[in-house]
Amino acid sequence: MSDSPIKKCLFPAAGYGTRFLPTTKSMPKEMMPVVNKPLIQYGVEEAMEAGMNGMAIITGRGKRALADHFDINYELEHQIAGTDKEELLEQIRHVIDNCTFSYTRQIEMKGLGHAILTGETLIGDQPFAVVLADDLCYSPDQGVLSQMVELYKKHSCSIVAIEEVPKDETHKYGVIAGDEIEPGLIKITDMVEKPDSADAPSNLAIIGRYILTPDIFDIIRDTPPGRNNEVQITDALLTQATQGAGVLGYKFKGRRFDCGSVPGFMDASKFYFENDLY
């Protein structure tokens, strides 16, 4: 999609990945492999399909492996040159050759909103996508970000990907409410971060795909810490939804795997292996 109006994708990747300890003690959770490819590479490839070639990654302590993965390893390539192992690097070579990668560190873990604000220096004054790599999305015909870019071309406002979740799981997500303006597309009127099931405005949960307009940075700057004393992107998006150009929730076409949890990660690995998707 070379005519994409969005050229940059932000990957918040500074978290500790505590649900996968002890593995994530020394390895970024974003580098955990689904079959033989790390989670973050799936996300980068989804962004590439949507016409983006500027990958901005928010890192933290112990995350050097992310930058190393998206770089050439001359010693390894020399060792496997001329063997059938070379073809195993074709996908990552294609990514490296066609994207630029920039990095900045989130010094303190102050929430997703703060992580996105940290990326302002890499994004600048332009609309951009956000991918949370531990939400692995499979859509056979058109990737989730590609679907959202098409919507952005039409509506020119922030968009969040949403899906229905069991009511007793709303405490794990940002949850939205609003008015359906066309099938699968909701103009958001309310948004709550990790509500108890009794307080949730719906069972429509935000998952890790966003398209954001650049005014979100100023809104985040003015957003006080919320739940868990963290700067929540849901609080900033609610301000944007009620005071700005509006925010849309999109029921995406495809399947999402919560690879931030052990059961979701195992489901994804089984699905991708059995369907030769790696």
C-alpha atoms as a PDB file:
ATOM      1  CA  MET A   1       0.000   0.000   0.000  1.00  0.00           C
ATOM      2  CA  SER A   2       2.434   2.656  -1.200  1.00  0.00           C
ATOM      3  CA  ASP A   3      -0.126   5.469  -0.972  1.00  0.00           C
ATOM      4  CA  SER A   4      -0.585   5.093   2.785  1.00  0.00           C
ATOM      5  CA  PRO A   5      -0.992   8.486   4.506  1.00  0.00           C
ATOM      6  CA  ILE A   6       0.773   7.023   7.548  1.00  0.00           C
ATOM      7  CA  LYS A   7       4.485   6.303   7.263  1.00  0.00           C
ATOM      8  CA  LYS A   8       5.572   5.642  10.847  1.00  0.00           C
ATOM      9  CA  CYS A   9       4.642   2.966  13.363  1.00  0.00           C
ATOM     10  CA  LEU A  10       5.484   3.190  17.061  1.00  0.00           C
ATOM     11  CA  PHE A  11       6.283   0.065  19.074  1.00  0.00           C
ATOM     12  CA  PRO A  12       6.204   0.557  22.866  1.00  0.00           C
ATOM     13  CA  ALA A  13       8.616  -2.157  24.004  1.00  0.00           C
ATOM     14  CA  ALA A  14      10.034  -1.033  27.339  1.00  0.00           C
ATOM     15  CA  GLY A  15       7.938  -3.259  29.622  1.00  0.00           C
ATOM     16  CA  TYR A  16       9.363  -6.002  31.807  1.00  0.00           C
ATOM     17  CA  GLY A  17       7.217  -8.901  30.577  1.00  0.00           C
ATOM     18  CA  THR A  18       6.791 -10.212  34.104  1.00  0.00           C
ATOM     19  CA  ARG A  19       4.190 -12.815  33.102  1.00  0.00           C
ATOM     20  CA  PHE A  20       6.962 -14.709  31.303  1.00  0.00           C
ATOM     21  CA  LEU A  21       9.596 -14.699  34.022  1.00  0.00           C
ATOM     22  CA  PRO A  22      12.197 -16.129  34.273  1.00  0.00           C
ATOM     23  CA  THR A  23      12.612 -16.035  30.459  1.00  0.00           C
ATOM     24  CA  THR A  24      12.099 -12.267  30.289  1.00  0.00           C
ATOM     25  CA  LYS A  25      14.688 -11.640  32.986  1.00  0.00           C
ATOM     26  CA  SER A  26      17.279 -11.340  30.215  1.00  0.00           C
ATOM     27  CA  MET A  27      15.242 -11.447  26.976  1.00  0.00           C
ATOM     28  CA  PRO A  28      12.694  -8.832  25.842  1.00  0.00           C
ATOM     29  CA  LYS A  29       9.197 -10.307  25.675  1.00  0.00           C
ATOM     30  CA  GLU A  30       8.898  -8.775  22.201  1.00  0.00           C
ATOM     31  CA  MET A  31      11.681 -11.135  21.076  1.00  0.00           C
ATOM     32  CA  MET A  32       9.843 -14.271  22.185  1.00  0.00           C
ATOM     33  CA  PRO A  33       9.375 -16.436  19.081  1.00  0.00           C
ATOM     34  CA  VAL A  34       6.082 -17.649  17.688  1.00  0.00           C
ATOM     35  CA  VAL A  35       7.526 -20.687  15.914  1.00  0.00           C
ATOM     36  CA  ASN A  36      10.794 -19.172  14.603  1.00  0.00           C
ATOM     37  CA  LYS A  37      10.005 -15.459  14.321  1.00  0.00           C
ATOM     38  CA  PRO A  38       9.925 -12.943  17.211  1.00  0.00           C
ATOM     39  CA  LEU A  39       6.688 -11.203  18.066  1.00  0.00           C
ATOM     40  CA  ILE A  40       7.975  -7.758  17.138  1.00  0.00           C
ATOM     41  CA  GLN A  41       8.891  -8.901  13.629  1.00  0.00           C
ATOM     42  CA  TYR A  42       5.292  -9.990  13.007  1.00  0.00           C
ATOM     43  CA  GLY A  43       4.221  -6.495  14.065  1.00  0.00           C
ATOM     44  CA  VAL A  44       6.774  -4.785  11.829  1.00  0.00           C
ATOM     45  CA  GLU A  45       5.688  -6.888   8.852  1.00  0.00           C
ATOM     46  CA  GLU A  46       2.055  -5.938   9.508  1.00  0.00           C
ATOM     47  CA  ALA A  47       3.059  -2.261   9.511  1.00  0.00           C
ATOM     48  CA  MET A  48       5.002  -2.725   6.281  1.00  0.00           C
ATOM     49  CA  GLU A  49       1.975  -4.292   4.612  1.00  0.00           C
ATOM     50  CA  ALA A  50       0.028  -1.161   5.598  1.00  0.00           C
ATOM     51  CA  GLY A  51       2.534   1.076   3.766  1.00  0.00           C
ATOM     52  CA  MET A  52       4.734   2.122   6.699  1.00  0.00           C
ATOM     53  CA  ASN A  53       8.512   2.062   6.576  1.00  0.00           C
ATOM     54  CA  GLY A  54       9.545   4.117   9.606  1.00  0.00           C
ATOM     55  CA  MET A  55       9.627   1.883  12.679  1.00  0.00           C
ATOM     56  CA  ALA A  56      10.020   3.754  15.969  1.00  0.00           C
ATOM     57  CA  ILE A  57      10.743   1.548  18.971  1.00  0.00           C
ATOM     58  CA  ILE A  58      10.492   2.575  22.628  1.00  0.00           C
ATOM     59  CA  THR A  59      13.022   0.501  24.514  1.00  0.00           C
ATOM     60  CA  GLY A  60      14.296   0.206  28.052  1.00  0.00           C
ATOM     61  CA  ARG A  61      17.039  -1.460  30.061  1.00  0.00           C
ATOM     62  CA  GLY A  62      18.014  -4.887  28.789  1.00  0.00           C
ATOM     63  CA  LYS A  63      16.399  -4.416  25.365  1.00  0.00           C
ATOM     64  CA  ARG A  64      19.515  -4.394  23.185  1.00  0.00           C
ATOM     65  CA  ALA A  65      18.330  -7.547  21.410  1.00  0.00           C
ATOM     66  CA  LEU A  66      15.607  -5.546  19.645  1.00  0.00           C
ATOM     67  CA  ALA A  67      18.089  -3.300  17.852  1.00  0.00           C
ATOM     68  CA  ASP A  68      20.400  -6.242  17.168  1.00  0.00           C
ATOM     69  CA  HIS A  69      17.572  -8.199  15.530  1.00  0.00           C
ATOM     70  CA  PHE A  70      16.870  -5.422  13.033  1.00  0.00           C
ATOM     71  CA  ASP A  71      20.525  -5.155  12.029  1.00  0.00           C
ATOM     72  CA  ILE A  72      22.956  -7.200   9.958  1.00  0.00           C
ATOM     73  CA  ASN A  73      24.943  -9.898  11.752  1.00  0.00           C
ATOM     74  CA  TYR A  74      28.020 -10.145   9.551  1.00  0.00           C
ATOM     75  CA  GLU A  75      29.592 -13.056  11.423  1.00  0.00           C
ATOM     76  CA  LEU A  76      26.429 -15.162  11.237  1.00  0.00           C
ATOM     77  CA  GLU A  77      25.874 -14.374   7.574  1.00  0.00           C
ATOM     78  CA  HIS A  78      29.461 -15.286   6.764  1.00  0.00           C
ATOM     79  CA  GLN A  79      29.084 -18.604   8.544  1.00  0.00           C
ATOM     80  CA  ILE A  80      25.954 -19.654   6.646  1.00  0.00           C
ATOM     81  CA  ALA A  81      26.873 -18.136   3.261  1.00  0.00           C
ATOM     82  CA  GLY A  82      26.367 -20.657   0.473  1.00  0.00           C
ATOM     83  CA  THR A  83      24.320 -23.044   2.615  1.00  0.00           C
ATOM     84  CA  ASP A  84      20.594 -23.760   2.652  1.00  0.00           C
ATOM     85  CA  LYS A  85      20.397 -21.845   5.930  1.00  0.00           C
ATOM     86  CA  GLU A  86      20.704 -18.547   4.050  1.00  0.00           C
ATOM     87  CA  GLU A  87      17.059 -18.619   3.011  1.00  0.00           C
ATOM     88  CA  LEU A  88      16.039 -18.572   6.678  1.00  0.00           C
ATOM     89  CA  LEU A  89      17.225 -14.956   6.843  1.00  0.00           C
ATOM     90  CA  GLU A  90      15.368 -13.774   3.738  1.00  0.00           C
ATOM     91  CA  GLN A  91      12.371 -12.358   5.634  1.00  0.00           C
ATOM     92  CA  ILE A  92      14.395 -10.338   8.113  1.00  0.00           C
ATOM     93  CA  ARG A  93      16.735  -9.111   5.344  1.00  0.00           C
ATOM     94  CA  HIS A  94      13.688  -7.828   3.468  1.00  0.00           C
ATOM     95  CA  VAL A  95      12.561  -5.965   6.583  1.00  0.00           C
ATOM     96  CA  ILE A  96      16.004  -4.444   7.198  1.00  0.00           C
ATOM     97  CA  ASP A  97      16.408  -3.395   3.565  1.00  0.00           C
ATOM     98  CA  ASN A  98      13.015  -1.690   3.329  1.00  0.00           C
ATOM     99  CA  CYS A  99      12.583  -0.009   6.723  1.00  0.00           C
ATOM    100  CA  THR A 100      14.381   2.493   8.878  1.00  0.00           C
ATOM    101  CA  PHE A 101      14.507   1.853  12.620  1.00  0.00           C
ATOM    102  CA  SER A 102      14.841   4.500  15.303  1.00  0.00           C
ATOM    103  CA  TYR A 103      15.003   3.973  19.051  1.00  0.00           C
ATOM    104  CA  THR A 104      14.591   5.909  22.257  1.00  0.00           C
ATOM    105  CA  ARG A 105      14.422   4.770  25.857  1.00  0.00           C
ATOM    106  CA  GLN A 106      11.559   5.093  28.290  1.00  0.00           C
ATOM    107  CA  ILE A 107      13.533   5.715  31.462  1.00  0.00           C
ATOM    108  CA  GLU A 108      10.648   4.998  33.847  1.00  0.00           C
ATOM    109  CA  MET A 109       7.624   2.756  33.369  1.00  0.00           C
ATOM    110  CA  LYS A 110       4.766   5.261  33.715  1.00  0.00           C
ATOM    111  CA  GLY A 111       2.107   3.661  31.545  1.00  0.00           C
ATOM    112  CA  LEU A 112       1.301   3.270  27.855  1.00  0.00           C
ATOM    113  CA  GLY A 113       0.369   6.932  27.492  1.00  0.00           C
ATOM    114  CA  HIS A 114       3.786   7.953  28.784  1.00  0.00           C
ATOM    115  CA  ALA A 115       5.485   5.428  26.470  1.00  0.00           C
ATOM    116  CA  ILE A 116       3.701   6.904  23.462  1.00  0.00           C
ATOM    117  CA  LEU A 117       4.639  10.431  24.539  1.00  0.00           C
ATOM    118  CA  THR A 118       8.259   9.293  24.809  1.00  0.00           C
ATOM    119  CA  GLY A 119       8.046   8.430  21.126  1.00  0.00           C
ATOM    120  CA  GLU A 120       7.123  11.973  20.072  1.00  0.00           C
ATOM    121  CA  THR A 121      10.742  12.749  19.220  1.00  0.00           C
ATOM    122  CA  LEU A 122      10.749   9.813  16.771  1.00  0.00           C
ATOM    123  CA  ILE A 123       7.323  10.524  15.239  1.00  0.00           C
ATOM    124  CA  GLY A 124       7.117  14.282  14.852  1.00  0.00           C
ATOM    125  CA  ASP A 125       3.998  16.141  13.748  1.00  0.00           C
ATOM    126  CA  GLN A 126       2.266  13.470  11.671  1.00  0.00           C
ATOM    127  CA  PRO A 127      -0.357  10.746  12.117  1.00  0.00           C
ATOM    128  CA  PHE A 128       1.121   7.425  13.142  1.00  0.00           C
ATOM    129  CA  ALA A 129       0.263   3.868  14.076  1.00  0.00           C
ATOM    130  CA  VAL A 130       0.951   2.092  17.357  1.00  0.00           C
ATOM    131  CA  VAL A 131       1.447  -1.657  17.639  1.00  0.00           C
ATOM    132  CA  LEU A 132       1.685  -3.569  20.897  1.00  0.00           C
ATOM    133  CA  ALA A 133       3.705  -6.554  19.722  1.00  0.00           C
ATOM    134  CA  ASP A 134       2.305  -8.977  22.276  1.00  0.00           C
ATOM    135  CA  ASP A 135      -1.092  -8.657  20.589  1.00  0.00           C
ATOM    136  CA  LEU A 136      -0.458 -10.865  17.555  1.00  0.00           C
ATOM    137  CA  CYS A 137      -3.136 -10.385  14.896  1.00  0.00           C
ATOM    138  CA  TYR A 138      -3.831 -12.746  12.025  1.00  0.00           C
ATOM    139  CA  SER A 139      -5.981 -11.606   9.130  1.00  0.00           C
ATOM    140  CA  PRO A 140      -5.579 -13.632   5.925  1.00  0.00           C
ATOM    141  CA  ASP A 141      -6.868 -11.096   3.399  1.00  0.00           C
ATOM    142  CA  GLN A 142      -5.754  -7.738   4.794  1.00  0.00           C
ATOM    143  CA  GLY A 143      -3.795  -6.991   7.936  1.00  0.00           C
ATOM    144  CA  VAL A 144      -5.444  -5.128  10.792  1.00  0.00           C
ATOM    145  CA  LEU A 145      -3.300  -2.007  10.312  1.00  0.00           C
ATOM    146  CA  SER A 146      -4.085  -1.999   6.586  1.00  0.00           C
ATOM    147  CA  GLN A 147      -7.787  -2.111   7.419  1.00  0.00           C
ATOM    148  CA  MET A 148      -7.347   0.816   9.808  1.00  0.00           C
ATOM    149  CA  VAL A 149      -5.339   2.873   7.299  1.00  0.00           C
ATOM    150  CA  GLU A 150      -8.239   2.577   4.851  1.00  0.00           C
ATOM    151  CA  LEU A 151     -10.556   3.943   7.550  1.00  0.00           C
ATOM    152  CA  TYR A 152      -8.145   6.764   8.365  1.00  0.00           C
ATOM    153  CA  LYS A 153      -8.149   7.860   4.722  1.00  0.00           C
ATOM    154  CA  LYS A 154     -11.903   8.292   5.021  1.00  0.00           C
ATOM    155  CA  HIS A 155     -12.283   9.745   8.523  1.00  0.00           C
ATOM    156  CA  SER A 156      -8.923  11.435   9.346  1.00  0.00           C
ATOM    157  CA  CYS A 157      -9.191  10.864  13.107  1.00  0.00           C
ATOM    158  CA  SER A 158      -7.737   8.566  15.733  1.00  0.00           C
ATOM    159  CA  ILE A 159      -8.862   4.943  15.505  1.00  0.00           C
ATOM    160  CA  VAL A 160      -8.526   2.083  17.983  1.00  0.00           C
ATOM    161  CA  ALA A 161      -9.001  -1.589  17.189  1.00  0.00           C
ATOM    162  CA  ILE A 162     -11.634  -3.247  19.384  1.00  0.00           C
ATOM    163  CA  GLU A 163     -13.063  -6.700  19.934  1.00  0.00           C
ATOM    164  CA  GLU A 164     -15.720  -8.239  22.133  1.00  0.00           C
ATOM    165  CA  VAL A 165     -14.402  -9.926  25.267  1.00  0.00           C
ATOM    166  CA  PRO A 166     -16.172 -11.893  28.001  1.00  0.00           C
ATOM    167  CA  LYS A 167     -17.699  -9.517  30.533  1.00  0.00           C
ATOM    168  CA  ASP A 168     -15.621 -11.021  33.338  1.00  0.00           C
ATOM    169  CA  GLU A 169     -12.407 -10.069  31.483  1.00  0.00           C
ATOM    170  CA  THR A 170     -13.045  -6.342  31.078  1.00  0.00           C
ATOM    171  CA  HIS A 171     -10.675  -5.650  33.986  1.00  0.00           C
ATOM    172  CA  LYS A 172      -7.766  -6.550  31.659  1.00  0.00           C
ATOM    173  CA  TYR A 173      -8.502  -3.917  29.000  1.00  0.00           C
ATOM    174  CA  GLY A 174      -9.454  -0.403  28.121  1.00  0.00           C
ATOM    175  CA  VAL A 175     -13.200  -0.636  27.385  1.00  0.00           C
ATOM    176  CA  ILE A 176     -15.207   1.673  25.139  1.00  0.00           C
ATOM    177  CA  ALA A 177     -18.815   2.657  24.570  1.00  0.00           C
ATOM    178  CA  GLY A 178     -20.343   4.675  21.769  1.00  0.00           C
ATOM    179  CA  ASP A 179     -22.637   4.830  18.777  1.00  0.00           C
ATOM    180  CA  GLU A 180     -22.289   2.555  15.771  1.00  0.00           C
ATOM    181  CA  ILE A 181     -22.080   4.830  12.721  1.00  0.00           C
ATOM    182  CA  GLU A 182     -21.649   1.991  10.245  1.00  0.00           C
ATOM    183  CA  PRO A 183     -21.265  -1.770  10.639  1.00  0.00           C
ATOM    184  CA  GLY A 184     -18.288  -2.475  12.850  1.00  0.00           C
ATOM    185  CA  LEU A 185     -17.375   1.204  13.324  1.00  0.00           C
ATOM    186  CA  ILE A 186     -18.218   3.009  16.556  1.00  0.00           C
ATOM    187  CA  LYS A 187     -17.917   6.699  17.384  1.00  0.00           C
ATOM    188  CA  ILE A 188     -16.599   6.545  20.943  1.00  0.00           C
ATOM    189  CA  THR A 189     -18.380   8.454  23.712  1.00  0.00           C
ATOM    190  CA  ASP A 190     -16.836   6.755  26.753  1.00  0.00           C
ATOM    191  CA  MET A 191     -13.650   4.889  27.544  1.00  0.00           C
ATOM    192  CA  VAL A 192     -12.577   3.315  30.856  1.00  0.00           C
ATOM    193  CA  GLU A 193      -9.250   1.703  31.719  1.00  0.00           C
ATOM    194  CA  LYS A 194      -9.553  -1.833  33.170  1.00  0.00           C
ATOM    195  CA  PRO A 195     -13.013  -1.503  34.732  1.00  0.00           C
ATOM    196  CA  ASP A 196     -14.583  -4.132  36.943  1.00  0.00           C
ATOM    197  CA  SER A 197     -17.244  -6.067  35.050  1.00  0.00           C
ATOM    198  CA  ALA A 198     -20.003  -4.305  36.982  1.00  0.00           C
ATOM    199  CA  ASP A 199     -18.670  -0.888  35.963  1.00  0.00           C
ATOM    200  CA  ALA A 200     -17.690  -1.621  32.353  1.00  0.00           C
ATOM    201  CA  PRO A 201     -19.602   0.500  29.820  1.00  0.00           C
ATOM    202  CA  SER A 202     -19.645  -2.461  27.380  1.00  0.00           C
ATOM    203  CA  ASN A 203     -17.669  -5.581  26.557  1.00  0.00           C
ATOM    204  CA  LEU A 204     -15.813  -3.893  23.669  1.00  0.00           C
ATOM    205  CA  ALA A 205     -12.120  -3.932  24.536  1.00  0.00           C
ATOM    206  CA  ILE A 206      -9.271  -2.004  22.942  1.00  0.00           C
ATOM    207  CA  ILE A 207      -6.488  -4.231  21.640  1.00  0.00           C
ATOM    208  CA  GLY A 208      -2.950  -3.308  20.656  1.00  0.00           C
ATOM    209  CA  ARG A 209      -3.533  -1.506  17.353  1.00  0.00           C
ATOM    210  CA  TYR A 210      -3.998   2.272  17.167  1.00  0.00           C
ATOM    211  CA  ILE A 211      -3.858   5.020  14.601  1.00  0.00           C
ATOM    212  CA  LEU A 212      -3.312   8.356  16.326  1.00  0.00           C
ATOM    213  CA  THR A 213      -3.317  11.952  15.155  1.00  0.00           C
ATOM    214  CA  PRO A 214      -0.348  14.036  16.374  1.00  0.00           C
ATOM    215  CA  ASP A 215      -2.412  16.245  18.672  1.00  0.00           C
ATOM    216  CA  ILE A 216      -2.502  13.233  20.994  1.00  0.00           C
ATOM    217  CA  PHE A 217       0.967  14.225  22.253  1.00  0.00           C
ATOM    218  CA  ASP A 218      -0.248  17.541  23.707  1.00  0.00           C
ATOM    219  CA  ILE A 219      -3.283  15.785  25.161  1.00  0.00           C
ATOM    220  CA  ILE A 220      -1.093  13.167  26.868  1.00  0.00           C
ATOM    221  CA  ARG A 221       1.111  15.946  28.264  1.00  0.00           C
ATOM    222  CA  ASP A 222      -1.961  17.437  29.951  1.00  0.00           C
ATOM    223  CA  THR A 223      -3.326  14.081  31.151  1.00  0.00           C
ATOM    224  CA  PRO A 224      -2.755  13.416  34.863  1.00  0.00           C
ATOM    225  CA  PRO A 225      -1.798   9.925  36.060  1.00  0.00           C
ATOM    226  CA  GLY A 226      -4.822   7.643  36.295  1.00  0.00           C
ATOM    227  CA  ARG A 227      -5.265   4.001  37.230  1.00  0.00           C
ATOM    228  CA  ASN A 228      -2.184   2.543  38.986  1.00  0.00           C
ATOM    229  CA  ASN A 229      -0.769   6.083  39.023  1.00  0.00           C
ATOM    230  CA  GLU A 230       0.193   5.660  35.354  1.00  0.00           C
ATOM    231  CA  VAL A 231      -0.476   7.918  32.386  1.00  0.00           C
ATOM    232  CA  GLN A 232      -3.179   5.970  30.553  1.00  0.00           C
ATOM    233  CA  ILE A 233      -3.637   6.321  26.810  1.00  0.00           C
ATOM    234  CA  THR A 234      -7.342   5.609  27.342  1.00  0.00           C
ATOM    235  CA  ASP A 235      -7.679   8.790  29.427  1.00  0.00           C
ATOM    236  CA  ALA A 236      -6.000  10.840  26.701  1.00  0.00           C
ATOM    237  CA  LEU A 237      -8.110   9.236  23.986  1.00  0.00           C
ATOM    238  CA  LEU A 238     -11.299   9.975  25.927  1.00  0.00           C
ATOM    239  CA  THR A 239     -10.302  13.642  25.985  1.00  0.00           C
ATOM    240  CA  GLN A 240      -9.682  13.492  22.257  1.00  0.00           C
ATOM    241  CA  ALA A 241     -13.001  11.730  21.697  1.00  0.00           C
ATOM    242  CA  THR A 242     -15.035  14.286  23.622  1.00  0.00           C
ATOM    243  CA  GLN A 243     -13.167  17.517  22.842  1.00  0.00           C
ATOM    244  CA  GLY A 244     -11.415  16.985  19.543  1.00  0.00           C
ATOM    245  CA  ALA A 245     -12.121  15.474  16.156  1.00  0.00           C
ATOM    246  CA  GLY A 246     -13.395  12.293  17.744  1.00  0.00           C
ATOM    247  CA  VAL A 247     -12.094   8.746  18.076  1.00  0.00           C
ATOM    248  CA  LEU A 248     -13.426   5.674  16.298  1.00  0.00           C
ATOM    249  CA  GLY A 249     -13.480   2.105  17.536  1.00  0.00           C
ATOM    250  CA  TYR A 250     -13.107  -0.495  14.798  1.00  0.00           C
ATOM    251  CA  LYS A 251     -14.169  -4.125  15.079  1.00  0.00           C
ATOM    252  CA  PHE A 252     -11.335  -5.480  12.985  1.00  0.00           C
ATOM    253  CA  LYS A 253     -11.531  -8.487  10.705  1.00  0.00           C
ATOM    254  CA  GLY A 254      -9.188 -11.203  11.902  1.00  0.00           C
ATOM    255  CA  ARG A 255      -8.074 -13.099  14.966  1.00  0.00           C
ATOM    256  CA  ARG A 256      -6.041 -11.767  17.850  1.00  0.00           C
ATOM    257  CA  PHE A 257      -3.775 -13.770  20.133  1.00  0.00           C
ATOM    258  CA  ASP A 258      -2.878 -12.343  23.538  1.00  0.00           C
ATOM    259  CA  CYS A 259       0.775 -13.334  23.495  1.00  0.00           C
ATOM    260  CA  GLY A 260       1.353 -11.399  26.696  1.00  0.00           C
ATOM    261  CA  SER A 261      -0.219 -14.366  28.480  1.00  0.00           C
ATOM    262  CA  VAL A 262       1.121 -17.911  28.501  1.00  0.00           C
ATOM    263  CA  PRO A 263      -2.128 -19.525  27.212  1.00  0.00           C
ATOM    264  CA  GLY A 264      -2.434 -16.966  24.389  1.00  0.00           C
ATOM    265  CA  PHE A 265       1.205 -17.393  23.442  1.00  0.00           C
ATOM    266  CA  MET A 266       0.835 -21.166  23.280  1.00  0.00           C
ATOM    267  CA  ASP A 267      -2.361 -20.853  21.209  1.00  0.00           C
ATOM    268  CA  ALA A 268      -0.587 -18.577  18.746  1.00  0.00           C
ATOM    269  CA  SER A 269       2.407 -20.876  18.415  1.00  0.00           C
ATOM    270  CA  LYS A 270       0.171 -23.872  17.732  1.00  0.00           C
ATOM    271  CA  PHE A 271      -1.994 -21.959  15.229  1.00  0.00           C
ATOM    272  CA  TYR A 272       0.924 -20.443  13.312  1.00  0.00           C
ATOM    273  CA  PHE A 273       2.807 -23.754  13.179  1.00  0.00           C
ATOM    274  CA  GLU A 274      -0.170 -25.830  12.048  1.00  0.00           C
ATOM    275  CA  ASN A 275      -1.092 -23.286   9.355  1.00  0.00           C
ATOM    276  CA  ASP A 276       2.471 -22.647   8.081  1.00  0.00           C
ATOM    277  CA  LEU A 277       2.203 -18.937   8.873  1.00  0.00           C
ATOM    278  CA  TYR A 278       5.767 -18.323  10.011  1.00  0.00           C
END
